[in-house]
Amino acid sequence: LRLSCAASGSIFSLSTMGWYRQAPGKQRDLVATITNSGVTNYADSMKG
């Protein structure tokens, strides 16, 4: 699947963006982040 997130507002290009997920009965966890310059970071279970 490919998820998309459309943002309004002028801060998008300056901001680090992230995806998180929350399963039923569990806390919200980090999936991945990307800085405004394109540097990425992933939770270990999502790498690859």
All heavy atoms as atom14 arrays in JSON, in Angstrom:
{
  "sequence": "LRLSCAASGSIFSLSTMGWYRQAPGKQRDLVATITNSGVTNYADSMKG",
  "atom14_mask": [
    [1, 1, 1, 1, 1, 1, 1, 1, 0, 0, 0, 0, 0, 0],
    [1, 1, 1, 1, 1, 1, 1, 1, 1, 1, 1, 0, 0, 0],
    [1, 1, 1, 1, 1, 1, 1, 1, 0, 0, 0, 0, 0, 0],
    [1, 1, 1, 1, 1, 1, 0, 0, 0, 0, 0, 0, 0, 0],
    [1, 1, 1, 1, 1, 1, 0, 0, 0, 0, 0, 0, 0, 0],
    [1, 1, 1, 1, 1, 0, 0, 0, 0, 0, 0, 0, 0, 0],
    [1, 1, 1, 1, 1, 0, 0, 0, 0, 0, 0, 0, 0, 0],
    [1, 1, 1, 1, 1, 1, 0, 0, 0, 0, 0, 0, 0, 0],
    [1, 1, 1, 1, 0, 0, 0, 0, 0, 0, 0, 0, 0, 0],
    [1, 1, 1, 1, 1, 1, 0, 0, 0, 0, 0, 0, 0, 0],
    [1, 1, 1, 1, 1, 1, 1, 1, 0, 0, 0, 0, 0, 0],
    [1, 1, 1, 1, 1, 1, 1, 1, 1, 1, 1, 0, 0, 0],
    [1, 1, 1, 1, 1, 1, 0, 0, 0, 0, 0, 0, 0, 0],
    [1, 1, 1, 1, 1, 1, 1, 1, 0, 0, 0, 0, 0, 0],
    [1, 1, 1, 1, 1, 1, 0, 0, 0, 0, 0, 0, 0, 0],
    [1, 1, 1, 1, 1, 1, 1, 0, 0, 0, 0, 0, 0, 0],
    [1, 1, 1, 1, 1, 1, 1, 1, 0, 0, 0, 0, 0, 0],
    [1, 1, 1, 1, 0, 0, 0, 0, 0, 0, 0, 0, 0, 0],
    [1, 1, 1, 1, 1, 1, 1, 1, 1, 1, 1, 1, 1, 1],
    [1, 1, 1, 1, 1, 1, 1, 1, 1, 1, 1, 1, 0, 0],
    [1, 1, 1, 1, 1, 1, 1, 1, 1, 1, 1, 0, 0, 0],
    [1, 1, 1, 1, 1, 1, 1, 1, 1, 0, 0, 0, 0, 0],
    [1, 1, 1, 1, 1, 0, 0, 0, 0, 0, 0, 0, 0, 0],
    [1, 1, 1, 1, 1, 1, 1, 0, 0, 0, 0, 0, 0, 0],
    [1, 1, 1, 1, 0, 0, 0, 0, 0, 0, 0, 0, 0, 0],
    [1, 1, 1, 1, 1, 1, 1, 1, 1, 0, 0, 0, 0, 0],
    [1, 1, 1, 1, 1, 1, 1, 1, 1, 0, 0, 0, 0, 0],
    [1, 1, 1, 1, 1, 1, 1, 1, 1, 1, 1, 0, 0, 0],
    [1, 1, 1, 1, 1, 1, 1, 1, 0, 0, 0, 0, 0, 0],
    [1, 1, 1, 1, 1, 1, 1, 1, 0, 0, 0, 0, 0, 0],
    [1, 1, 1, 1, 1, 1, 1, 0, 0, 0, 0, 0, 0, 0],
    [1, 1, 1, 1, 1, 0, 0, 0, 0, 0, 0, 0, 0, 0],
    [1, 1, 1, 1, 1, 1, 1, 0, 0, 0, 0, 0, 0, 0],
    [1, 1, 1, 1, 1, 1, 1, 1, 0, 0, 0, 0, 0, 0],
    [1, 1, 1, 1, 1, 1, 1, 0, 0, 0, 0, 0, 0, 0],
    [1, 1, 1, 1, 1, 1, 1, 1, 0, 0, 0, 0, 0, 0],
    [1, 1, 1, 1, 1, 1, 0, 0, 0, 0, 0, 0, 0, 0],
    [1, 1, 1, 1, 0, 0, 0, 0, 0, 0, 0, 0, 0, 0],
    [1, 1, 1, 1, 1, 1, 1, 0, 0, 0, 0, 0, 0, 0],
    [1, 1, 1, 1, 1, 1, 1, 0, 0, 0, 0, 0, 0, 0],
    [1, 1, 1, 1, 1, 1, 1, 1, 0, 0, 0, 0, 0, 0],
    [1, 1, 1, 1, 1, 1, 1, 1, 1, 1, 1, 1, 0, 0],
    [1, 1, 1, 1, 1, 0, 0, 0, 0, 0, 0, 0, 0, 0],
    [1, 1, 1, 1, 1, 1, 1, 1, 0, 0, 0, 0, 0, 0],
    [1, 1, 1, 1, 1, 1, 0, 0, 0, 0, 0, 0, 0, 0],
    [1, 1, 1, 1, 1, 1, 1, 1, 0, 0, 0, 0, 0, 0],
    [1, 1, 1, 1, 1, 1, 1, 1, 1, 0, 0, 0, 0, 0],
    [1, 1, 1, 1, 0, 0, 0, 0, 0, 0, 0, 0, 0, 0]
  ],
  "atom14_positions": [
    [[0.86, -1.18, 0.0], [0.0, 0.0, 0.0], [0.89, 1.23, 0.0], [2.02, 1.19, 0.52], [-0.9, 0.05, 1.24], [-2.13, -0.84, 1.32], [-2.77, -0.71, 2.69], [-3.13, -0.49, 0.23], [0.0, 0.0, 0.0], [0.0, 0.0, 0.0], [0.0, 0.0, 0.0], [0.0, 0.0, 0.0], [0.0, 0.0, 0.0], [0.0, 0.0, 0.0]],
    [[0.37, 2.31, -0.56], [1.06, 3.59, -0.46], [0.13, 4.6, 0.19], [-0.95, 4.88, -0.32], [1.52, 4.12, -1.82], [2.42, 5.35, -1.67], [3.03, 5.82, -2.96], [2.15, 6.73, -3.69], [2.58, 7.71, -4.49], [3.87, 7.89, -4.65], [1.71, 8.47, -5.13], [0.0, 0.0, 0.0], [0.0, 0.0, 0.0], [0.0, 0.0, 0.0]],
    [[0.57, 5.13, 1.31], [-0.18, 6.16, 2.01], [0.32, 7.53, 1.56], [1.51, 7.72, 1.29], [-0.01, 6.02, 3.52], [-0.33, 4.67, 4.13], [-0.18, 4.74, 5.65], [-1.72, 4.2, 3.75], [0.0, 0.0, 0.0], [0.0, 0.0, 0.0], [0.0, 0.0, 0.0], [0.0, 0.0, 0.0], [0.0, 0.0, 0.0], [0.0, 0.0, 0.0]],
    [[-0.61, 8.47, 1.52], [-0.29, 9.85, 1.2], [-0.79, 10.76, 2.3], [-1.8, 10.46, 2.95], [-0.93, 10.27, -0.13], [-0.47, 9.48, -1.2], [0.0, 0.0, 0.0], [0.0, 0.0, 0.0], [0.0, 0.0, 0.0], [0.0, 0.0, 0.0], [0.0, 0.0, 0.0], [0.0, 0.0, 0.0], [0.0, 0.0, 0.0], [0.0, 0.0, 0.0]],
    [[-0.11, 11.86, 2.49], [-0.53, 12.86, 3.46], [-0.33, 14.23, 2.84], [0.8, 14.64, 2.58], [0.28, 12.73, 4.74], [-0.01, 14.05, 5.93], [0.0, 0.0, 0.0], [0.0, 0.0, 0.0], [0.0, 0.0, 0.0], [0.0, 0.0, 0.0], [0.0, 0.0, 0.0], [0.0, 0.0, 0.0], [0.0, 0.0, 0.0], [0.0, 0.0, 0.0]],
    [[-1.44, 14.89, 2.6], [-1.41, 16.23, 2.02], [-1.5, 17.26, 3.14], [-2.38, 17.18, 4.0], [-2.57, 16.41, 1.05], [0.0, 0.0, 0.0], [0.0, 0.0, 0.0], [0.0, 0.0, 0.0], [0.0, 0.0, 0.0], [0.0, 0.0, 0.0], [0.0, 0.0, 0.0], [0.0, 0.0, 0.0], [0.0, 0.0, 0.0], [0.0, 0.0, 0.0]],
    [[-0.59, 18.21, 3.12], [-0.51, 19.21, 4.17], [-0.86, 20.59, 3.64], [-0.46, 20.96, 2.53], [0.88, 19.23, 4.78], [0.0, 0.0, 0.0], [0.0, 0.0, 0.0], [0.0, 0.0, 0.0], [0.0, 0.0, 0.0], [0.0, 0.0, 0.0], [0.0, 0.0, 0.0], [0.0, 0.0, 0.0], [0.0, 0.0, 0.0], [0.0, 0.0, 0.0]],
    [[-1.6, 21.32, 4.43], [-1.83, 22.72, 4.13], [-0.9, 23.55, 4.99], [-0.4, 23.09, 6.01], [-3.29, 23.11, 4.4], [-3.55, 22.98, 5.79], [0.0, 0.0, 0.0], [0.0, 0.0, 0.0], [0.0, 0.0, 0.0], [0.0, 0.0, 0.0], [0.0, 0.0, 0.0], [0.0, 0.0, 0.0], [0.0, 0.0, 0.0], [0.0, 0.0, 0.0]],
    [[-0.66, 24.8, 4.61], [0.19, 25.65, 5.42], [1.59, 25.74, 4.86], [2.08, 24.83, 4.21], [0.0, 0.0, 0.0], [0.0, 0.0, 0.0], [0.0, 0.0, 0.0], [0.0, 0.0, 0.0], [0.0, 0.0, 0.0], [0.0, 0.0, 0.0], [0.0, 0.0, 0.0], [0.0, 0.0, 0.0], [0.0, 0.0, 0.0], [0.0, 0.0, 0.0]],
    [[2.24, 26.83, 5.16], [3.53, 27.14, 4.56], [4.71, 26.46, 5.25], [5.83, 26.54, 4.78], [3.75, 28.65, 4.56], [3.71, 29.13, 5.89], [0.0, 0.0, 0.0], [0.0, 0.0, 0.0], [0.0, 0.0, 0.0], [0.0, 0.0, 0.0], [0.0, 0.0, 0.0], [0.0, 0.0, 0.0], [0.0, 0.0, 0.0], [0.0, 0.0, 0.0]],
    [[4.46, 25.78, 6.39], [5.58, 25.24, 7.13], [6.04, 23.88, 6.61], [7.06, 23.37, 7.03], [5.26, 25.1, 8.63], [4.22, 23.99, 8.88], [4.8, 26.41, 9.2], [4.04, 23.66, 10.35], [0.0, 0.0, 0.0], [0.0, 0.0, 0.0], [0.0, 0.0, 0.0], [0.0, 0.0, 0.0], [0.0, 0.0, 0.0], [0.0, 0.0, 0.0]],
    [[5.28, 23.31, 5.68], [5.58, 21.94, 5.26], [7.02, 21.81, 4.79], [7.74, 20.92, 5.23], [4.63, 21.5, 4.14], [4.91, 20.11, 3.62], [4.37, 19.0, 4.24], [5.75, 19.92, 2.52], [4.65, 17.72, 3.78], [6.02, 18.65, 2.05], [5.47, 17.55, 2.68], [0.0, 0.0, 0.0], [0.0, 0.0, 0.0], [0.0, 0.0, 0.0]],
    [[7.44, 22.69, 3.89], [8.77, 22.54, 3.29], [9.89, 22.74, 4.31], [11.03, 22.35, 4.05], [8.93, 23.5, 2.12], [8.85, 24.83, 2.57], [0.0, 0.0, 0.0], [0.0, 0.0, 0.0], [0.0, 0.0, 0.0], [0.0, 0.0, 0.0], [0.0, 0.0, 0.0], [0.0, 0.0, 0.0], [0.0, 0.0, 0.0], [0.0, 0.0, 0.0]],
    [[9.58, 23.33, 5.44], [10.59, 23.59, 6.47], [10.6, 22.51, 7.55], [11.48, 22.52, 8.4], [10.31, 24.95, 7.13], [10.29, 26.15, 6.21], [9.91, 27.4, 7.01], [11.62, 26.34, 5.53], [0.0, 0.0, 0.0], [0.0, 0.0, 0.0], [0.0, 0.0, 0.0], [0.0, 0.0, 0.0], [0.0, 0.0, 0.0], [0.0, 0.0, 0.0]],
    [[9.65, 21.61, 7.5], [9.39, 20.73, 8.65], [9.83, 19.3, 8.41], [9.78, 18.8, 7.29], [7.89, 20.72, 8.96], [7.43, 22.01, 9.26], [0.0, 0.0, 0.0], [0.0, 0.0, 0.0], [0.0, 0.0, 0.0], [0.0, 0.0, 0.0], [0.0, 0.0, 0.0], [0.0, 0.0, 0.0], [0.0, 0.0, 0.0], [0.0, 0.0, 0.0]],
    [[10.2, 18.66, 9.53], [10.32, 17.21, 9.53], [8.92, 16.62, 9.57], [8.09, 17.06, 10.37], [11.15, 16.73, 10.74], [12.49, 17.19, 10.6], [11.13, 15.22, 10.85], [0.0, 0.0, 0.0], [0.0, 0.0, 0.0], [0.0, 0.0, 0.0], [0.0, 0.0, 0.0], [0.0, 0.0, 0.0], [0.0, 0.0, 0.0], [0.0, 0.0, 0.0]],
    [[8.68, 15.65, 8.72], [7.39, 14.97, 8.66], [7.57, 13.54, 9.12], [8.64, 12.94, 8.98], [6.84, 14.99, 7.23], [6.62, 16.37, 6.67], [5.38, 17.3, 7.59], [3.92, 16.3, 7.32], [0.0, 0.0, 0.0], [0.0, 0.0, 0.0], [0.0, 0.0, 0.0], [0.0, 0.0, 0.0], [0.0, 0.0, 0.0], [0.0, 0.0, 0.0]],
    [[6.49, 12.99, 9.67], [6.58, 11.63, 10.18], [5.32, 10.83, 9.94], [4.24, 11.4, 9.73], [0.0, 0.0, 0.0], [0.0, 0.0, 0.0], [0.0, 0.0, 0.0], [0.0, 0.0, 0.0], [0.0, 0.0, 0.0], [0.0, 0.0, 0.0], [0.0, 0.0, 0.0], [0.0, 0.0, 0.0], [0.0, 0.0, 0.0], [0.0, 0.0, 0.0]],
    [[5.48, 9.53, 9.93], [4.37, 8.59, 9.97], [4.47, 7.8, 11.28], [5.56, 7.35, 11.66], [4.41, 7.62, 8.79], [4.0, 8.22, 7.49], [4.81, 8.7, 6.51], [2.66, 8.41, 7.03], [4.07, 9.18, 5.46], [2.73, 9.0, 5.75], [1.39, 8.12, 7.55], [1.6, 9.32, 4.99], [0.27, 8.44, 6.81], [0.38, 9.03, 5.54]],
    [[3.33, 7.66, 11.92], [3.22, 6.89, 13.15], [2.06, 5.91, 12.98], [1.23, 6.08, 12.08], [2.93, 7.81, 14.34], [4.04, 8.79, 14.65], [4.26, 9.9, 13.83], [4.87, 8.63, 15.76], [5.28, 10.81, 14.11], [5.87, 9.54, 16.05], [6.07, 10.62, 15.22], [7.08, 11.52, 15.48], [0.0, 0.0, 0.0], [0.0, 0.0, 0.0]],
    [[2.0, 4.93, 13.86], [0.85, 4.01, 13.79], [0.43, 3.6, 15.19], [1.24, 3.57, 16.12], [1.18, 2.79, 12.94], [2.19, 1.83, 13.55], [2.52, 0.72, 12.57], [3.34, -0.33, 13.16], [3.83, -1.35, 12.48], [3.56, -1.49, 11.17], [4.57, -2.26, 13.08], [0.0, 0.0, 0.0], [0.0, 0.0, 0.0], [0.0, 0.0, 0.0]],
    [[-0.85, 3.25, 15.27], [-1.41, 2.84, 16.56], [-2.33, 1.65, 16.33], [-3.35, 1.77, 15.64], [-2.16, 3.98, 17.23], [-2.62, 3.67, 18.64], [-3.09, 4.91, 19.37], [-3.4, 5.94, 18.78], [-3.11, 4.84, 20.69], [0.0, 0.0, 0.0], [0.0, 0.0, 0.0], [0.0, 0.0, 0.0], [0.0, 0.0, 0.0], [0.0, 0.0, 0.0]],
    [[-1.94, 0.52, 16.89], [-2.77, -0.67, 16.84], [-3.75, -0.65, 18.0], [-3.51, 0.02, 19.01], [-1.89, -1.91, 16.89], [0.0, 0.0, 0.0], [0.0, 0.0, 0.0], [0.0, 0.0, 0.0], [0.0, 0.0, 0.0], [0.0, 0.0, 0.0], [0.0, 0.0, 0.0], [0.0, 0.0, 0.0], [0.0, 0.0, 0.0], [0.0, 0.0, 0.0]],
    [[-4.86, -1.39, 17.89], [-5.85, -1.4, 18.98], [-5.23, -1.79, 20.31], [-4.52, -2.79, 20.41], [-6.86, -2.44, 18.51], [-6.75, -2.45, 17.03], [-5.29, -2.19, 16.74], [0.0, 0.0, 0.0], [0.0, 0.0, 0.0], [0.0, 0.0, 0.0], [0.0, 0.0, 0.0], [0.0, 0.0, 0.0], [0.0, 0.0, 0.0], [0.0, 0.0, 0.0]],
    [[-5.49, -0.98, 21.33], [-5.0, -1.27, 22.67], [-3.53, -1.0, 22.89], [-2.99, -1.34, 23.95], [0.0, 0.0, 0.0], [0.0, 0.0, 0.0], [0.0, 0.0, 0.0], [0.0, 0.0, 0.0], [0.0, 0.0, 0.0], [0.0, 0.0, 0.0], [0.0, 0.0, 0.0], [0.0, 0.0, 0.0], [0.0, 0.0, 0.0], [0.0, 0.0, 0.0]],
    [[-2.88, -0.4, 21.91], [-1.44, -0.14, 22.03], [-1.15, 1.35, 21.88], [-2.0, 2.12, 21.44], [-0.67, -0.93, 20.98], [-0.78, -2.44, 21.15], [0.16, -3.17, 20.22], [0.11, -4.67, 20.46], [1.06, -5.41, 19.59], [0.0, 0.0, 0.0], [0.0, 0.0, 0.0], [0.0, 0.0, 0.0], [0.0, 0.0, 0.0], [0.0, 0.0, 0.0]],
    [[0.05, 1.74, 22.25], [0.44, 3.13, 22.12], [0.77, 3.46, 20.67], [0.97, 2.58, 19.86], [1.65, 3.41, 23.0], [2.93, 2.71, 22.55], [4.1, 3.03, 23.48], [3.93, 3.46, 24.62], [5.31, 2.81, 22.99], [0.0, 0.0, 0.0], [0.0, 0.0, 0.0], [0.0, 0.0, 0.0], [0.0, 0.0, 0.0], [0.0, 0.0, 0.0]],
    [[0.81, 4.75, 20.4], [1.17, 5.22, 19.07], [2.68, 5.18, 18.93], [3.41, 5.74, 19.75], [0.65, 6.65, 18.85], [0.75, 7.13, 17.43], [0.05, 8.48, 17.25], [-1.37, 8.39, 17.55], [-2.22, 9.41, 17.37], [-1.78, 10.57, 16.88], [-3.49, 9.27, 17.69], [0.0, 0.0, 0.0], [0.0, 0.0, 0.0], [0.0, 0.0, 0.0]],
    [[3.15, 4.52, 17.89], [4.58, 4.31, 17.71], [5.07, 4.96, 16.42], [4.35, 5.04, 15.42], [4.91, 2.81, 17.64], [4.73, 2.11, 18.97], [4.94, 2.74, 20.01], [4.38, 0.91, 18.94], [0.0, 0.0, 0.0], [0.0, 0.0, 0.0], [0.0, 0.0, 0.0], [0.0, 0.0, 0.0], [0.0, 0.0, 0.0], [0.0, 0.0, 0.0]],
    [[6.34, 5.33, 16.43], [6.97, 5.89, 15.26], [7.13, 4.83, 14.18], [7.53, 3.7, 14.46], [8.35, 6.44, 15.62], [9.22, 6.91, 14.46], [8.65, 8.19, 13.87], [10.65, 7.1, 14.9], [0.0, 0.0, 0.0], [0.0, 0.0, 0.0], [0.0, 0.0, 0.0], [0.0, 0.0, 0.0], [0.0, 0.0, 0.0], [0.0, 0.0, 0.0]],
    [[6.84, 5.22, 12.94], [7.13, 4.37, 11.79], [8.37, 4.9, 11.07], [9.34, 4.18, 10.87], [5.94, 4.32, 10.81], [6.3, 3.56, 9.55], [4.72, 3.7, 11.49], [0.0, 0.0, 0.0], [0.0, 0.0, 0.0], [0.0, 0.0, 0.0], [0.0, 0.0, 0.0], [0.0, 0.0, 0.0], [0.0, 0.0, 0.0], [0.0, 0.0, 0.0]],
    [[8.32, 6.17, 10.69], [9.44, 6.77, 9.95], [9.31, 8.28, 9.98], [8.22, 8.82, 10.14], [9.46, 6.28, 8.5], [0.0, 0.0, 0.0], [0.0, 0.0, 0.0], [0.0, 0.0, 0.0], [0.0, 0.0, 0.0], [0.0, 0.0, 0.0], [0.0, 0.0, 0.0], [0.0, 0.0, 0.0], [0.0, 0.0, 0.0], [0.0, 0.0, 0.0]],
    [[10.45, 8.95, 9.82], [10.46, 10.4, 9.68], [11.34, 10.79, 8.5], [12.21, 10.02, 8.07], [10.99, 11.11, 10.93], [12.34, 10.67, 11.18], [10.13, 10.82, 12.15], [0.0, 0.0, 0.0], [0.0, 0.0, 0.0], [0.0, 0.0, 0.0], [0.0, 0.0, 0.0], [0.0, 0.0, 0.0], [0.0, 0.0, 0.0], [0.0, 0.0, 0.0]],
    [[11.09, 11.99, 7.99], [11.9, 12.53, 6.91], [12.08, 14.03, 7.15], [11.09, 14.73, 7.38], [11.29, 12.23, 5.52], [12.19, 12.73, 4.41], [9.87, 12.78, 5.4], [11.8, 12.19, 3.03], [0.0, 0.0, 0.0], [0.0, 0.0, 0.0], [0.0, 0.0, 0.0], [0.0, 0.0, 0.0], [0.0, 0.0, 0.0], [0.0, 0.0, 0.0]],
    [[13.31, 14.51, 7.13], [13.56, 15.92, 7.36], [13.24, 16.73, 6.1], [12.97, 16.16, 5.03], [15.03, 16.17, 7.73], [15.85, 15.89, 6.58], [15.47, 15.3, 8.89], [0.0, 0.0, 0.0], [0.0, 0.0, 0.0], [0.0, 0.0, 0.0], [0.0, 0.0, 0.0], [0.0, 0.0, 0.0], [0.0, 0.0, 0.0], [0.0, 0.0, 0.0]],
    [[13.28, 18.03, 6.23], [12.99, 18.88, 5.08], [14.03, 18.71, 3.97], [13.75, 18.99, 2.8], [12.86, 20.34, 5.49], [14.14, 20.89, 6.1], [14.95, 20.16, 6.62], [14.31, 22.2, 6.04], [0.0, 0.0, 0.0], [0.0, 0.0, 0.0], [0.0, 0.0, 0.0], [0.0, 0.0, 0.0], [0.0, 0.0, 0.0], [0.0, 0.0, 0.0]],
    [[15.21, 18.21, 4.32], [16.25, 17.97, 3.3], [16.28, 16.52, 2.83], [17.15, 16.16, 2.03], [17.62, 18.36, 3.86], [17.91, 17.61, 5.02], [0.0, 0.0, 0.0], [0.0, 0.0, 0.0], [0.0, 0.0, 0.0], [0.0, 0.0, 0.0], [0.0, 0.0, 0.0], [0.0, 0.0, 0.0], [0.0, 0.0, 0.0], [0.0, 0.0, 0.0]],
    [[15.36, 15.7, 3.33], [15.23, 14.34, 2.82], [15.96, 13.26, 3.6], [16.0, 12.11, 3.15], [0.0, 0.0, 0.0], [0.0, 0.0, 0.0], [0.0, 0.0, 0.0], [0.0, 0.0, 0.0], [0.0, 0.0, 0.0], [0.0, 0.0, 0.0], [0.0, 0.0, 0.0], [0.0, 0.0, 0.0], [0.0, 0.0, 0.0], [0.0, 0.0, 0.0]],
    [[16.47, 13.58, 4.76], [17.11, 12.57, 5.59], [16.03, 11.74, 6.27], [15.12, 12.29, 6.9], [18.04, 13.21, 6.63], [18.64, 12.14, 7.54], [19.14, 14.0, 5.94], [0.0, 0.0, 0.0], [0.0, 0.0, 0.0], [0.0, 0.0, 0.0], [0.0, 0.0, 0.0], [0.0, 0.0, 0.0], [0.0, 0.0, 0.0], [0.0, 0.0, 0.0]],
    [[16.14, 10.43, 6.16], [15.09, 9.55, 6.67], [15.55, 8.76, 7.89], [16.75, 8.53, 8.08], [14.64, 8.56, 5.59], [15.77, 7.79, 5.14], [14.04, 9.3, 4.4], [0.0, 0.0, 0.0], [0.0, 0.0, 0.0], [0.0, 0.0, 0.0], [0.0, 0.0, 0.0], [0.0, 0.0, 0.0], [0.0, 0.0, 0.0], [0.0, 0.0, 0.0]],
    [[14.57, 8.34, 8.66], [14.82, 7.51, 9.83], [13.65, 6.55, 9.96], [12.5, 6.95, 9.75], [14.93, 8.37, 11.1], [15.15, 7.54, 12.34], [16.11, 6.81, 12.45], [14.22, 7.62, 13.28], [0.0, 0.0, 0.0], [0.0, 0.0, 0.0], [0.0, 0.0, 0.0], [0.0, 0.0, 0.0], [0.0, 0.0, 0.0], [0.0, 0.0, 0.0]],
    [[13.94, 5.28, 10.3], [12.89, 4.26, 10.37], [12.96, 3.51, 11.7], [14.04, 3.27, 12.23], [13.05, 3.23, 9.24], [12.89, 3.8, 7.86], [13.97, 4.3, 7.15], [11.63, 3.84, 7.26], [13.82, 4.82, 5.88], [11.46, 4.36, 5.99], [12.56, 4.86, 5.31], [12.4, 5.37, 4.05], [0.0, 0.0, 0.0], [0.0, 0.0, 0.0]],
    [[11.81, 3.09, 12.15], [11.78, 2.11, 13.23], [12.37, 0.81, 12.7], [12.22, 0.48, 11.52], [10.35, 1.9, 13.71], [0.0, 0.0, 0.0], [0.0, 0.0, 0.0], [0.0, 0.0, 0.0], [0.0, 0.0, 0.0], [0.0, 0.0, 0.0], [0.0, 0.0, 0.0], [0.0, 0.0, 0.0], [0.0, 0.0, 0.0], [0.0, 0.0, 0.0]],
    [[13.02, 0.08, 13.57], [13.76, -1.11, 13.13], [12.89, -2.12, 12.38], [13.31, -2.71, 11.39], [14.42, -1.79, 14.34], [15.61, -1.02, 14.86], [16.13, -0.15, 14.12], [16.02, -1.27, 16.01], [0.0, 0.0, 0.0], [0.0, 0.0, 0.0], [0.0, 0.0, 0.0], [0.0, 0.0, 0.0], [0.0, 0.0, 0.0], [0.0, 0.0, 0.0]],
    [[11.67, -2.31, 12.84], [10.82, -3.33, 12.24], [10.32, -2.96, 10.85], [9.79, -3.79, 10.13], [9.62, -3.63, 13.15], [8.83, -2.47, 13.31], [0.0, 0.0, 0.0], [0.0, 0.0, 0.0], [0.0, 0.0, 0.0], [0.0, 0.0, 0.0], [0.0, 0.0, 0.0], [0.0, 0.0, 0.0], [0.0, 0.0, 0.0], [0.0, 0.0, 0.0]],
    [[10.5, -1.69, 10.46], [10.05, -1.25, 9.15], [11.18, -1.14, 8.14], [10.92, -1.01, 6.94], [9.38, 0.13, 9.25], [8.0, 0.14, 9.85], [8.0, -0.41, 11.57], [6.56, 0.33, 12.23], [0.0, 0.0, 0.0], [0.0, 0.0, 0.0], [0.0, 0.0, 0.0], [0.0, 0.0, 0.0], [0.0, 0.0, 0.0], [0.0, 0.0, 0.0]],
    [[12.41, -1.19, 8.61], [13.53, -1.02, 7.71], [13.53, -2.1, 6.64], [13.36, -3.28, 6.93], [14.85, -1.07, 8.49], [15.1, 0.15, 9.34], [16.42, 0.04, 10.1], [16.65, 1.27, 10.96], [17.89, 1.16, 11.77], [0.0, 0.0, 0.0], [0.0, 0.0, 0.0], [0.0, 0.0, 0.0], [0.0, 0.0, 0.0], [0.0, 0.0, 0.0]],
    [[13.68, -1.66, 5.4], [13.69, -2.59, 4.28], [12.34, -2.9, 3.69], [12.24, -3.44, 2.59], [0.0, 0.0, 0.0], [0.0, 0.0, 0.0], [0.0, 0.0, 0.0], [0.0, 0.0, 0.0], [0.0, 0.0, 0.0], [0.0, 0.0, 0.0], [0.0, 0.0, 0.0], [0.0, 0.0, 0.0], [0.0, 0.0, 0.0], [0.0, 0.0, 0.0]]
  ]
}
